C-alpha atoms as a PDB file:
ATOM      1  CA  MET A   1     -21.936  22.312  -9.158  1.00  0.00           C
ATOM      2  CA  GLN A   2     -24.562  20.956  -6.761  1.00  0.00           C
ATOM      3  CA  PRO A   3     -24.428  22.224  -3.144  1.00  0.00           C
ATOM      4  CA  ASP A   4     -23.377  18.835  -1.784  1.00  0.00           C
ATOM      5  CA  GLU A   5     -20.656  18.226  -4.354  1.00  0.00           C
ATOM      6  CA  ALA A   6     -17.000  18.701  -3.480  1.00  0.00           C
ATOM      7  CA  VAL A   7     -14.253  20.000  -5.738  1.00  0.00           C
ATOM      8  CA  TYR A   8     -10.617  19.072  -5.070  1.00  0.00           C
ATOM      9  CA  MET A   9      -7.230  20.310  -6.126  1.00  0.00           C
ATOM     10  CA  LYS A  10      -4.355  18.036  -5.136  1.00  0.00           C
ATOM     11  CA  THR A  11      -0.818  19.353  -4.930  1.00  0.00           C
ATOM     12  CA  ASN A  12       2.508  18.976  -3.180  1.00  0.00           C
ATOM     13  CA  VAL A  13       3.464  21.679  -0.682  1.00  0.00           C
ATOM     14  CA  LYS A  14       6.386  22.251   1.653  1.00  0.00           C
ATOM     15  CA  SER A  15       5.925  20.640   5.053  1.00  0.00           C
ATOM     16  CA  PRO A  16       5.890  23.018   8.053  1.00  0.00           C
ATOM     17  CA  GLY A  17       9.259  23.699   9.671  1.00  0.00           C
ATOM     18  CA  PHE A  18      12.789  24.220   8.423  1.00  0.00           C
ATOM     19  CA  THR A  19      13.060  21.223   6.096  1.00  0.00           C
ATOM     20  CA  ALA A  20      12.184  21.272   2.399  1.00  0.00           C
ATOM     21  CA  LYS A  21      10.329  17.961   2.506  1.00  0.00           C
ATOM     22  CA  PRO A  22       7.190  17.997   0.303  1.00  0.00           C
ATOM     23  CA  ILE A  23       3.868  16.619   1.561  1.00  0.00           C
ATOM     24  CA  GLN A  24       0.597  15.932  -0.224  1.00  0.00           C
ATOM     25  CA  SER A  25      -2.069  18.556   0.305  1.00  0.00           C
ATOM     26  CA  GLU A  26      -5.609  19.078  -0.864  1.00  0.00           C
ATOM     27  CA  LEU A  27      -7.647  22.212  -1.494  1.00  0.00           C
ATOM     28  CA  GLU A  28     -11.333  21.491  -1.221  1.00  0.00           C
ATOM     29  CA  VAL A  29     -13.454  24.391  -2.447  1.00  0.00           C
ATOM     30  CA  ASN A  30     -16.325  23.255  -0.267  1.00  0.00           C
ATOM     31  CA  TYR A  31     -14.608  22.866   3.100  1.00  0.00           C
ATOM     32  CA  ASP A  32     -17.821  21.935   4.891  1.00  0.00           C
ATOM     33  CA  THR A  33     -18.070  18.545   3.157  1.00  0.00           C
ATOM     34  CA  ARG A  34     -14.886  17.354   4.845  1.00  0.00           C
ATOM     35  CA  PHE A  35     -14.361  19.402   7.994  1.00  0.00           C
ATOM     36  CA  PHE A  36     -17.676  20.837   9.153  1.00  0.00           C
ATOM     37  CA  ASP A  37     -20.403  18.322   8.298  1.00  0.00           C
ATOM     38  CA  HIS A  38     -21.001  17.408  11.929  1.00  0.00           C
ATOM     39  CA  GLN A  39     -20.106  20.685  13.647  1.00  0.00           C
ATOM     40  CA  LYS A  40     -22.203  23.736  14.511  1.00  0.00           C
ATOM     41  CA  GLU A  41     -19.707  26.465  13.639  1.00  0.00           C
ATOM     42  CA  ALA A  42     -19.455  27.762  10.084  1.00  0.00           C
ATOM     43  CA  ASN A  43     -16.349  27.904   7.949  1.00  0.00           C
ATOM     44  CA  PRO A  44     -15.620  30.371   5.138  1.00  0.00           C
ATOM     45  CA  ASP A  45     -15.250  28.694   1.761  1.00  0.00           C
ATOM     46  CA  ALA A  46     -11.946  28.520  -0.066  1.00  0.00           C
ATOM     47  CA  TYR A  47     -12.587  31.501  -2.335  1.00  0.00           C
ATOM     48  CA  THR A  48     -13.220  33.769   0.647  1.00  0.00           C
ATOM     49  CA  ARG A  49     -10.087  32.509   2.318  1.00  0.00           C
ATOM     50  CA  LEU A  50      -8.083  33.076  -0.891  1.00  0.00           C
ATOM     51  CA  ILE A  51      -9.245  36.703  -1.133  1.00  0.00           C
ATOM     52  CA  LEU A  52      -8.194  37.246   2.490  1.00  0.00           C
ATOM     53  CA  ASP A  53      -4.761  35.754   1.741  1.00  0.00           C
ATOM     54  CA  VAL A  54      -4.355  38.136  -1.210  1.00  0.00           C
ATOM     55  CA  LEU A  55      -5.368  41.167   0.860  1.00  0.00           C
ATOM     56  CA  GLN A  56      -2.880  40.122   3.543  1.00  0.00           C
ATOM     57  CA  GLY A  57      -0.130  39.790   0.945  1.00  0.00           C
ATOM     58  CA  LYS A  58       0.529  36.071   1.434  1.00  0.00           C
ATOM     59  CA  HIS A  59       3.377  35.179  -0.926  1.00  0.00           C
ATOM     60  CA  ALA A  60       1.912  31.790  -1.792  1.00  0.00           C
ATOM     61  CA  ALA A  61      -0.983  33.549  -3.581  1.00  0.00           C
ATOM     62  CA  PHE A  62       1.272  35.306  -6.109  1.00  0.00           C
ATOM     63  CA  VAL A  63       3.621  34.409  -8.978  1.00  0.00           C
ATOM     64  CA  ARG A  64       6.125  36.487 -10.922  1.00  0.00           C
ATOM     65  CA  ASP A  65       5.146  37.938 -14.321  1.00  0.00           C
ATOM     66  CA  ASP A  66       7.668  35.772 -16.164  1.00  0.00           C
ATOM     67  CA  GLU A  67       6.324  32.634 -14.454  1.00  0.00           C
ATOM     68  CA  LEU A  68       2.793  33.575 -15.441  1.00  0.00           C
ATOM     69  CA  ARG A  69       3.766  34.195 -19.087  1.00  0.00           C
ATOM     70  CA  ARG A  70       5.523  30.834 -19.297  1.00  0.00           C
ATOM     71  CA  ALA A  71       2.494  29.112 -17.790  1.00  0.00           C
ATOM     72  CA  TRP A  72       0.171  30.634 -20.417  1.00  0.00           C
ATOM     73  CA  GLU A  73       2.567  29.565 -23.194  1.00  0.00           C
ATOM     74  CA  ILE A  74       1.769  26.020 -22.097  1.00  0.00           C
ATOM     75  CA  PHE A  75      -1.946  26.364 -21.397  1.00  0.00           C
ATOM     76  CA  THR A  76      -3.028  28.644 -24.271  1.00  0.00           C
ATOM     77  CA  PRO A  77      -2.430  26.044 -27.049  1.00  0.00           C
ATOM     78  CA  ILE A  78      -4.205  23.417 -24.935  1.00  0.00           C
ATOM     79  CA  LEU A  79      -7.235  25.632 -24.377  1.00  0.00           C
ATOM     80  CA  LYS A  80      -7.398  26.520 -28.075  1.00  0.00           C
ATOM     81  CA  LYS A  81      -7.248  22.851 -29.044  1.00  0.00           C
ATOM     82  CA  ILE A  82     -10.050  22.025 -26.612  1.00  0.00           C
ATOM     83  CA  GLU A  83     -12.194  24.855 -27.984  1.00  0.00           C
ATOM     84  CA  ASN A  84     -11.486  24.287 -31.701  1.00  0.00           C
ATOM     85  CA  GLU A  85     -11.881  20.499 -31.641  1.00  0.00           C
ATOM     86  CA  ASN A  86     -14.702  20.413 -29.085  1.00  0.00           C
ATOM     87  CA  ILE A  87     -12.802  17.895 -26.976  1.00  0.00           C
ATOM     88  CA  ARG A  88     -15.005  16.324 -24.347  1.00  0.00           C
ATOM     89  CA  PRO A  89     -13.666  15.844 -20.796  1.00  0.00           C
ATOM     90  CA  VAL A  90     -12.975  12.337 -19.519  1.00  0.00           C
ATOM     91  CA  ILE A  91     -15.378  11.385 -16.733  1.00  0.00           C
ATOM     92  CA  TYR A  92     -13.968   9.669 -13.651  1.00  0.00           C
ATOM     93  CA  LYS A  93     -15.293   8.656 -10.255  1.00  0.00           C
ATOM     94  CA  GLN A  94     -15.443  11.374  -7.614  1.00  0.00           C
ATOM     95  CA  GLY A  95     -12.908  10.744  -4.864  1.00  0.00           C
ATOM     96  CA  SER A  96     -10.567   8.737  -7.088  1.00  0.00           C
ATOM     97  CA  ARG A  97      -7.111   9.907  -8.183  1.00  0.00           C
ATOM     98  CA  GLY A  98      -8.345  10.735 -11.674  1.00  0.00           C
ATOM     99  CA  PRO A  99      -9.093   9.118 -15.027  1.00  0.00           C
ATOM    100  CA  ILE A 100      -7.208   5.964 -15.887  1.00  0.00           C
ATOM    101  CA  GLU A 101      -6.506   7.475 -19.325  1.00  0.00           C
ATOM    102  CA  SER A 102      -4.128  10.005 -17.785  1.00  0.00           C
ATOM    103  CA  ASP A 103      -2.049   7.305 -16.100  1.00  0.00           C
ATOM    104  CA  ASN A 104      -1.979   5.259 -19.308  1.00  0.00           C
ATOM    105  CA  PHE A 105      -0.827   8.341 -21.254  1.00  0.00           C
ATOM    106  CA  ILE A 106       2.017   9.010 -18.808  1.00  0.00           C
ATOM    107  CA  MET A 107       3.036   5.358 -18.884  1.00  0.00           C
ATOM    108  CA  GLU A 108       3.007   5.272 -22.704  1.00  0.00           C
ATOM    109  CA  LYS A 109       4.929   8.509 -23.203  1.00  0.00           C
ATOM    110  CA  ALA A 110       7.357   8.419 -20.276  1.00  0.00           C
ATOM    111  CA  GLY A 111       7.347   4.823 -19.055  1.00  0.00           C
ATOM    112  CA  TYR A 112       6.281   5.969 -15.591  1.00  0.00           C
ATOM    113  CA  ILE A 113       3.802   3.712 -13.804  1.00  0.00           C
ATOM    114  CA  ARG A 114       1.646   5.126 -11.032  1.00  0.00           C
ATOM    115  CA  ASN A 115      -0.319   2.817  -8.785  1.00  0.00           C
ATOM    116  CA  GLU A 116      -0.251   4.766  -5.522  1.00  0.00           C
ATOM    117  CA  ASP A 117      -3.492   6.200  -4.188  1.00  0.00           C
ATOM    118  CA  TYR A 118      -3.836   9.829  -3.137  1.00  0.00           C
ATOM    119  CA  VAL A 119      -3.127  10.069   0.598  1.00  0.00           C
ATOM    120  CA  PHE A 120      -4.898  12.499   2.892  1.00  0.00           C
ATOM    121  CA  HIS A 121      -5.233  12.808   6.669  1.00  0.00           C
ATOM    122  CA  GLU A 122      -8.599  12.776   8.363  1.00  0.00           C
ATOM    123  CA  GLY A 123      -9.093  12.705  12.118  1.00  0.00           C
ATOM    124  CA  GLY A 124      -5.395  12.071  12.585  1.00  0.00           C
ATOM    125  CA  VAL A 125      -5.549   8.940  10.431  1.00  0.00           C
ATOM    126  CA  ALA A 126      -3.771   8.578   7.090  1.00  0.00           C
ATOM    127  CA  ARG A 127      -6.331   7.480   4.511  1.00  0.00           C
ATOM    128  CA  LYS A 128      -6.280   6.757   0.791  1.00  0.00           C
ATOM    129  CA  THR A 129      -8.807   7.435  -1.897  1.00  0.00           C
ATOM    130  CA  GLU A 130      -9.891   4.557  -4.105  1.00  0.00           C
ATOM    131  CA  GLY A 131      -7.176   4.088  -6.692  1.00  0.00           C
ATOM    132  CA  THR A 132      -6.832   2.362 -10.002  1.00  0.00           C
ATOM    133  CA  ASN A 133      -4.426  -0.261 -11.176  1.00  0.00           C
ATOM    134  CA  THR A 134      -3.348   1.267 -14.473  1.00  0.00           C
ATOM    135  CA  MET A 135      -0.904  -1.428 -15.522  1.00  0.00           C
ATOM    136  CA  PRO A 136      -1.857  -3.443 -18.601  1.00  0.00           C
ATOM    137  CA  VAL A 137      -2.618  -7.071 -17.843  1.00  0.00           C
ATOM    138  CA  SER A 138       0.475  -8.140 -19.731  1.00  0.00           C
ATOM    139  CA  GLN A 139       2.637  -6.238 -17.223  1.00  0.00           C
ATOM    140  CA  THR A 140       0.907  -7.236 -13.983  1.00  0.00           C
ATOM    141  CA  VAL A 141       2.371 -10.752 -14.129  1.00  0.00           C
ATOM    142  CA  PRO A 142       6.133 -11.084 -13.717  1.00  0.00           C
ATOM    143  CA  GLN A 143       7.888 -12.146 -16.891  1.00  0.00           C
ATOM    144  CA  ILE A 144      10.511 -14.175 -15.018  1.00  0.00           C
ATOM    145  CA  SER A 145      10.062 -17.899 -15.672  1.00  0.00           C
ATOM    146  CA  ILE A 146      10.895 -20.350 -12.854  1.00  0.00           C
ATOM    147  CA  PRO A 147      10.250 -24.123 -12.946  1.00  0.00           C
ATOM    148  CA  ASP A 148       7.185 -25.170 -10.943  1.00  0.00           C
ATOM    149  CA  ASP A 149       9.182 -27.464  -8.675  1.00  0.00           C
ATOM    150  CA  GLU A 150      11.349 -24.510  -7.627  1.00  0.00           C
ATOM    151  CA  LEU A 151       8.473 -22.192  -6.725  1.00  0.00           C
ATOM    152  CA  CYS A 152       8.013 -21.291  -3.065  1.00  0.00           C
ATOM    153  CA  ASP A 153       5.060 -21.981  -0.768  1.00  0.00           C
ATOM    154  CA  ILE A 154       5.176 -18.548   0.884  1.00  0.00           C
ATOM    155  CA  GLY A 155       7.147 -15.297   0.821  1.00  0.00           C
ATOM    156  CA  ILE A 156       8.251 -13.099   3.734  1.00  0.00           C
ATOM    157  CA  PHE A 157       8.979  -9.483   2.799  1.00  0.00           C
ATOM    158  CA  GLY A 158      10.902  -7.636   5.507  1.00  0.00           C
ATOM    159  CA  GLN A 159      14.042  -9.226   6.932  1.00  0.00           C
ATOM    160  CA  SER A 160      14.696  -7.458  10.185  1.00  0.00           C
ATOM    161  CA  VAL A 161      14.893  -9.692  13.262  1.00  0.00           C
ATOM    162  CA  MET A 162      11.213 -10.747  13.327  1.00  0.00           C
ATOM    163  CA  GLY A 163      10.986 -11.299   9.579  1.00  0.00           C
ATOM    164  CA  ALA A 164      14.229 -13.265   9.378  1.00  0.00           C
ATOM    165  CA  ASN A 165      13.355 -15.469  12.347  1.00  0.00           C
ATOM    166  CA  LEU A 166       9.834 -16.217  11.078  1.00  0.00           C
ATOM    167  CA  SER A 167      11.248 -17.007   7.612  1.00  0.00           C
ATOM    168  CA  LEU A 168      13.677 -19.540   9.089  1.00  0.00           C
ATOM    169  CA  ASN A 169      10.928 -20.992  11.295  1.00  0.00           C
ATOM    170  CA  ILE A 170       8.586 -21.595   8.325  1.00  0.00           C
ATOM    171  CA  ALA A 171      11.425 -23.058   6.252  1.00  0.00           C
ATOM    172  CA  GLU A 172      12.373 -25.389   9.112  1.00  0.00           C
ATOM    173  CA  SER A 173       8.697 -26.444   9.291  1.00  0.00           C
ATOM    174  CA  GLY A 174       9.042 -27.930   5.812  1.00  0.00           C
ATOM    175  CA  PHE A 175       7.873 -25.139   3.499  1.00  0.00           C
ATOM    176  CA  ARG A 176       9.913 -23.523   0.745  1.00  0.00           C
ATOM    177  CA  VAL A 177      10.301 -19.797   1.505  1.00  0.00           C
ATOM    178  CA  VAL A 178      11.390 -16.798  -0.547  1.00  0.00           C
ATOM    179  CA  VAL A 179      12.549 -13.715   1.345  1.00  0.00           C
ATOM    180  CA  GLY A 180      12.698 -10.079   0.251  1.00  0.00           C
ATOM    181  CA  ASN A 181      13.678  -6.767   1.749  1.00  0.00           C
ATOM    182  CA  ARG A 182      14.157  -3.157   0.759  1.00  0.00           C
ATOM    183  CA  THR A 183      17.917  -3.542   1.241  1.00  0.00           C
ATOM    184  CA  GLN A 184      19.671  -6.554  -0.265  1.00  0.00           C
ATOM    185  CA  LYS A 185      22.141  -7.000   2.597  1.00  0.00           C
ATOM    186  CA  LYS A 186      19.446  -8.353   4.949  1.00  0.00           C
ATOM    187  CA  VAL A 187      18.218 -10.801   2.312  1.00  0.00           C
ATOM    188  CA  GLU A 188      21.757 -12.144   1.939  1.00  0.00           C
ATOM    189  CA  ALA A 189      22.097 -12.444   5.725  1.00  0.00           C
ATOM    190  CA  THR A 190      18.922 -14.555   6.016  1.00  0.00           C
ATOM    191  CA  VAL A 191      19.940 -16.781   3.115  1.00  0.00           C
ATOM    192  CA  GLN A 192      23.299 -17.380   4.812  1.00  0.00           C
ATOM    193  CA  ARG A 193      21.597 -18.181   8.123  1.00  0.00           C
ATOM    194  CA  ALA A 194      19.381 -20.714   6.322  1.00  0.00           C
ATOM    195  CA  LYS A 195      22.522 -22.465   5.046  1.00  0.00           C
ATOM    196  CA  ASP A 196      24.228 -22.338   8.439  1.00  0.00           C
ATOM    197  CA  GLU A 197      21.182 -23.684  10.279  1.00  0.00           C
ATOM    198  CA  GLY A 198      20.795 -26.844   8.221  1.00  0.00           C
ATOM    199  CA  ASN A 199      20.445 -25.886   4.558  1.00  0.00           C
ATOM    200  CA  LEU A 200      16.831 -24.872   5.087  1.00  0.00           C
ATOM    201  CA  PRO A 201      14.640 -24.520   1.945  1.00  0.00           C
ATOM    202  CA  LEU A 202      14.910 -20.734   1.720  1.00  0.00           C
ATOM    203  CA  VAL A 203      15.894 -18.541  -1.229  1.00  0.00           C
ATOM    204  CA  GLY A 204      16.481 -14.830  -1.674  1.00  0.00           C
ATOM    205  CA  SER A 205      15.196 -12.258  -4.158  1.00  0.00           C
ATOM    206  CA  ASP A 206      16.594  -9.063  -5.617  1.00  0.00           C
ATOM    207  CA  GLY A 207      13.434  -6.958  -5.870  1.00  0.00           C
ATOM    208  CA  PRO A 208       9.617  -7.055  -5.611  1.00  0.00           C
ATOM    209  CA  GLU A 209       9.110  -8.526  -9.105  1.00  0.00           C
ATOM    210  CA  HIS A 210      11.686 -11.282  -8.574  1.00  0.00           C
ATOM    211  CA  PHE A 211      10.215 -11.937  -5.115  1.00  0.00           C
ATOM    212  CA  VAL A 212       6.651 -12.377  -6.432  1.00  0.00           C
ATOM    213  CA  SER A 213       7.777 -14.420  -9.434  1.00  0.00           C
ATOM    214  CA  GLN A 214       9.133 -17.168  -7.163  1.00  0.00           C
ATOM    215  CA  LEU A 215       5.781 -17.914  -5.482  1.00  0.00           C
ATOM    216  CA  LYS A 216       3.225 -20.632  -6.213  1.00  0.00           C
ATOM    217  CA  LYS A 217      -0.283 -19.471  -7.085  1.00  0.00           C
ATOM    218  CA  PRO A 218      -2.286 -18.290  -5.316  1.00  0.00           C
ATOM    219  CA  ARG A 219       0.664 -16.381  -3.927  1.00  0.00           C
ATOM    220  CA  LYS A 220       0.940 -16.023  -0.147  1.00  0.00           C
ATOM    221  CA  VAL A 221       3.022 -13.149   1.246  1.00  0.00           C
ATOM    222  CA  ILE A 222       3.653 -12.055   4.830  1.00  0.00           C
ATOM    223  CA  ILE A 223       4.828  -8.461   5.250  1.00  0.00           C
ATOM    224  CA  LEU A 224       6.960  -7.789   8.313  1.00  0.00           C
ATOM    225  CA  VAL A 225       8.090  -4.171   8.117  1.00  0.00           C
ATOM    226  CA  GLN A 226       7.712  -1.218  10.455  1.00  0.00           C
ATOM    227  CA  ALA A 227       4.060  -0.262  10.982  1.00  0.00           C
ATOM    228  CA  GLY A 228       2.851   2.858   9.159  1.00  0.00           C
ATOM    229  CA  THR A 229       4.005   4.288   5.856  1.00  0.00           C
ATOM    230  CA  ALA A 230       6.479   1.450   5.260  1.00  0.00           C
ATOM    231  CA  VAL A 231       3.573  -1.016   5.080  1.00  0.00           C
ATOM    232  CA  ASP A 232       1.743   1.112   2.489  1.00  0.00           C
ATOM    233  CA  ASP A 233       4.930   1.440   0.434  1.00  0.00           C
ATOM    234  CA  THR A 234       5.543  -2.303   0.565  1.00  0.00           C
ATOM    235  CA  ILE A 235       1.957  -3.132  -0.407  1.00  0.00           C
ATOM    236  CA  SER A 236       2.206  -0.769  -3.376  1.00  0.00           C
ATOM    237  CA  SER A 237       5.498  -2.251  -4.563  1.00  0.00           C
ATOM    238  CA  LEU A 238       4.197  -5.828  -4.357  1.00  0.00           C
ATOM    239  CA  ALA A 239       0.578  -5.350  -5.494  1.00  0.00           C
ATOM    240  CA  LYS A 240       1.594  -4.290  -9.007  1.00  0.00           C
ATOM    241  CA  TYR A 241       2.939  -7.825  -9.566  1.00  0.00           C
ATOM    242  CA  LEU A 242       0.193  -9.756  -7.760  1.00  0.00           C
ATOM    243  CA  GLU A 243      -2.914 -11.232  -9.366  1.00  0.00           C
ATOM    244  CA  PRO A 244      -6.541 -11.716  -8.268  1.00  0.00           C
ATOM    245  CA  GLY A 245      -6.738 -14.420  -5.610  1.00  0.00           C
ATOM    246  CA  ASP A 246      -3.272 -13.742  -4.160  1.00  0.00           C
ATOM    247  CA  ILE A 247      -2.961 -13.124  -0.415  1.00  0.00           C
ATOM    248  CA  LEU A 248      -1.114 -10.380   1.488  1.00  0.00           C
ATOM    249  CA  ILE A 249      -0.692 -10.693   5.260  1.00  0.00           C
ATOM    250  CA  ASP A 250       0.513  -7.791   7.402  1.00  0.00           C
ATOM    251  CA  GLY A 251       2.228  -9.226  10.473  1.00  0.00           C
ATOM    252  CA  GLY A 252       3.190  -5.864  11.966  1.00  0.00           C
ATOM    253  CA  ASN A 253       0.537  -5.669  14.726  1.00  0.00           C
ATOM    254  CA  GLU A 254      -0.901  -2.614  12.936  1.00  0.00           C
ATOM    255  CA  TRP A 255      -3.638  -0.322  14.308  1.00  0.00           C
ATOM    256  CA  PHE A 256      -6.890  -1.853  13.079  1.00  0.00           C
ATOM    257  CA  PRO A 257      -8.288   1.147  11.096  1.00  0.00           C
ATOM    258  CA  ASN A 258      -5.174   1.011   8.905  1.00  0.00           C
ATOM    259  CA  SER A 259      -5.713  -2.710   8.305  1.00  0.00           C
ATOM    260  CA  ILE A 260      -9.313  -2.028   7.285  1.00  0.00           C
ATOM    261  CA  ARG A 261      -8.182   0.755   4.935  1.00  0.00           C
ATOM    262  CA  ARG A 262      -5.596  -1.480   3.282  1.00  0.00           C
ATOM    263  CA  GLY A 263      -8.097  -4.273   2.862  1.00  0.00           C
ATOM    264  CA  GLU A 264     -10.492  -1.851   1.145  1.00  0.00           C
ATOM    265  CA  PHE A 265      -7.652  -0.611  -1.090  1.00  0.00           C
ATOM    266  CA  LEU A 266      -6.820  -4.146  -2.259  1.00  0.00           C
ATOM    267  CA  GLU A 267     -10.393  -5.407  -2.545  1.00  0.00           C
ATOM    268  CA  PRO A 268     -11.076  -3.888  -6.021  1.00  0.00           C
ATOM    269  CA  LYS A 269      -7.934  -5.665  -7.244  1.00  0.00           C
ATOM    270  CA  ASN A 270      -9.289  -8.959  -5.792  1.00  0.00           C
ATOM    271  CA  ILE A 271      -6.169  -9.335  -3.671  1.00  0.00           C
ATOM    272  CA  HIS A 272      -7.019 -10.788  -0.243  1.00  0.00           C
ATOM    273  CA  PHE A 273      -5.637  -8.949   2.791  1.00  0.00           C
ATOM    274  CA  LEU A 274      -5.167 -10.322   6.306  1.00  0.00           C
ATOM    275  CA  GLY A 275      -3.978  -8.457   9.387  1.00  0.00           C
ATOM    276  CA  MET A 276      -2.145 -10.775  11.764  1.00  0.00           C
ATOM    277  CA  GLY A 277      -1.024 -10.190  15.321  1.00  0.00           C
ATOM    278  CA  ILE A 278       2.186 -12.007  16.280  1.00  0.00           C
ATOM    279  CA  SER A 279       3.085 -12.688  19.918  1.00  0.00           C
ATOM    280  CA  GLY A 280       6.284 -14.156  21.289  1.00  0.00           C
ATOM    281  CA  GLY A 281       8.899 -11.652  20.201  1.00  0.00           C
ATOM    282  CA  GLU A 282      12.113 -12.605  18.413  1.00  0.00           C
ATOM    283  CA  GLU A 283      12.442 -16.007  20.057  1.00  0.00           C
ATOM    284  CA  GLY A 284       8.807 -16.837  19.400  1.00  0.00           C
ATOM    285  CA  ALA A 285       9.157 -15.926  15.723  1.00  0.00           C
ATOM    286  CA  ARG A 286      12.028 -18.406  15.403  1.00  0.00           C
ATOM    287  CA  LYS A 287      10.757 -21.233  17.600  1.00  0.00           C
ATOM    288  CA  GLY A 288       6.974 -20.842  17.529  1.00  0.00           C
ATOM    289  CA  PRO A 289       4.835 -17.680  17.873  1.00  0.00           C
ATOM    290  CA  SER A 290       1.177 -17.176  18.706  1.00  0.00           C
ATOM    291  CA  LEU A 291      -0.601 -15.984  15.568  1.00  0.00           C
ATOM    292  CA  MET A 292      -3.884 -14.066  15.383  1.00  0.00           C
ATOM    293  CA  PRO A 293      -4.951 -13.521  11.751  1.00  0.00           C
ATOM    294  CA  GLY A 294      -8.102 -11.696  10.705  1.00  0.00           C
ATOM    295  CA  GLY A 295      -9.552 -11.115   7.247  1.00  0.00           C
ATOM    296  CA  PRO A 296     -11.387 -13.064   4.534  1.00  0.00           C
ATOM    297  CA  LYS A 297     -12.035 -16.574   5.853  1.00  0.00           C
ATOM    298  CA  ASP A 298     -11.351 -18.203   2.474  1.00  0.00           C
ATOM    299  CA  ALA A 299      -7.910 -16.593   2.406  1.00  0.00           C
ATOM    300  CA  TYR A 300      -7.187 -17.709   5.967  1.00  0.00           C
ATOM    301  CA  ASP A 301      -8.085 -21.295   5.075  1.00  0.00           C
ATOM    302  CA  LEU A 302      -5.429 -21.240   2.334  1.00  0.00           C
ATOM    303  CA  VAL A 303      -2.620 -20.111   4.658  1.00  0.00           C
ATOM    304  CA  GLU A 304      -3.764 -22.001   7.782  1.00  0.00           C
ATOM    305  CA  PRO A 305      -1.668 -25.133   7.090  1.00  0.00           C
ATOM    306  CA  ILE A 306       1.509 -23.037   6.985  1.00  0.00           C
ATOM    307  CA  LEU A 307       0.602 -20.917  10.018  1.00  0.00           C
ATOM    308  CA  SER A 308      -0.411 -23.931  12.110  1.00  0.00           C
ATOM    309  CA  LYS A 309       2.843 -25.744  11.350  1.00  0.00           C
ATOM    310  CA  CYS A 310       5.107 -22.845  12.348  1.00  0.00           C
ATOM    311  CA  ALA A 311       3.125 -21.626  15.377  1.00  0.00           C
ATOM    312  CA  ALA A 312       3.803 -22.616  18.976  1.00  0.00           C
ATOM    313  CA  TYR A 313       2.195 -25.904  20.003  1.00  0.00           C
ATOM    314  CA  VAL A 314       0.505 -26.741  23.312  1.00  0.00           C
ATOM    315  CA  ASP A 315      -0.543 -30.315  24.054  1.00  0.00           C
ATOM    316  CA  GLU A 316      -3.871 -29.300  25.583  1.00  0.00           C
ATOM    317  CA  ALA A 317      -4.888 -26.856  22.841  1.00  0.00           C
ATOM    318  CA  GLY A 318      -2.822 -27.620  19.750  1.00  0.00           C
ATOM    319  CA  SER A 319      -1.244 -24.961  17.526  1.00  0.00           C
ATOM    320  CA  CYS A 320      -1.358 -21.421  18.864  1.00  0.00           C
ATOM    321  CA  VAL A 321      -3.057 -19.956  15.805  1.00  0.00           C
ATOM    322  CA  GLY A 322      -6.700 -19.085  15.351  1.00  0.00           C
ATOM    323  CA  TYR A 323      -8.927 -17.129  13.010  1.00  0.00           C
ATOM    324  CA  VAL A 324     -10.145 -14.072  14.930  1.00  0.00           C
ATOM    325  CA  GLY A 325     -12.666 -12.677  12.451  1.00  0.00           C
ATOM    326  CA  PRO A 326     -12.879 -10.119   9.631  1.00  0.00           C
ATOM    327  CA  ILE A 327     -10.147  -7.643   8.805  1.00  0.00           C
ATOM    328  CA  GLY A 328      -9.462  -5.329  11.755  1.00  0.00           C
ATOM    329  CA  ALA A 329     -10.665  -7.863  14.325  1.00  0.00           C
ATOM    330  CA  VAL A 330      -9.030  -7.432  17.729  1.00  0.00           C
ATOM    331  CA  SER A 331      -8.129 -10.405  19.915  1.00  0.00           C
ATOM    332  CA  CYS A 332      -6.137 -11.163  23.035  1.00  0.00           C
ATOM    333  CA  TRP A 333      -4.307 -14.459  23.095  1.00  0.00           C
END
């Protein structure tokens, strides 16, 4: 290993405190590459710290004899096969979650699809390593067939007050809207409101795949869920069904470094990402908000007709929507 190379071991550990909630953790053998690059003080490497833990009798450093024997019953045949057949390791990019072959193997044998990046915290900010979309092309496109004249112009995922009101606003502005939510009850409530408020062109969905399948290409989706982990979870659940050229818009007034990170995560998949500030509260979402989108200009141009139609309108200035710059751009309206 070269001096400037880092070695990682990723695992799940118990979170601090009384709960048994697991969290993702990372052991980096060369601690300096992550924590001490720009600091004067030194830091003992992981092996030194491990020896100290053993000498202090830390329970996490030990296993029972029966556990160890069972572990070697698994690993010994694998090691012998590697040695006897001269199996070469699969090379993968440093910093990624691992080789795509491993995800394909798990999917083939167990039907489990992983598309979530490895999450770590740096400087108090949740970050993700560059991931891989391991789904075969034949599975990235929903298999649900809907007539073209029934496809929707835009989708709103997240049907709390802001999401429901913006969905009804866009539908009332003349666009066909599909709505989705983690819980089905809120989808049903918005669909009922659309009927009660004039049979607005709005339909519901019963899951991420059904939601995406009802959209015209290139698909345009606004996410309106609670800022933070919920946004990452929603992006992951939708991205597996999206295609290159589709557009995801986060309308949750997110902290700009997170918007930049999400844009970088989606860029290799050629899915455009916009972060959009929304002003006006609940009433503004229903009757006309101020919208401040930032991200790829080509993607903004595709959604601008919808945003301009549903935004607040001022005689002197026109629609209260404007492109504020690249992803993470900050603007005051």
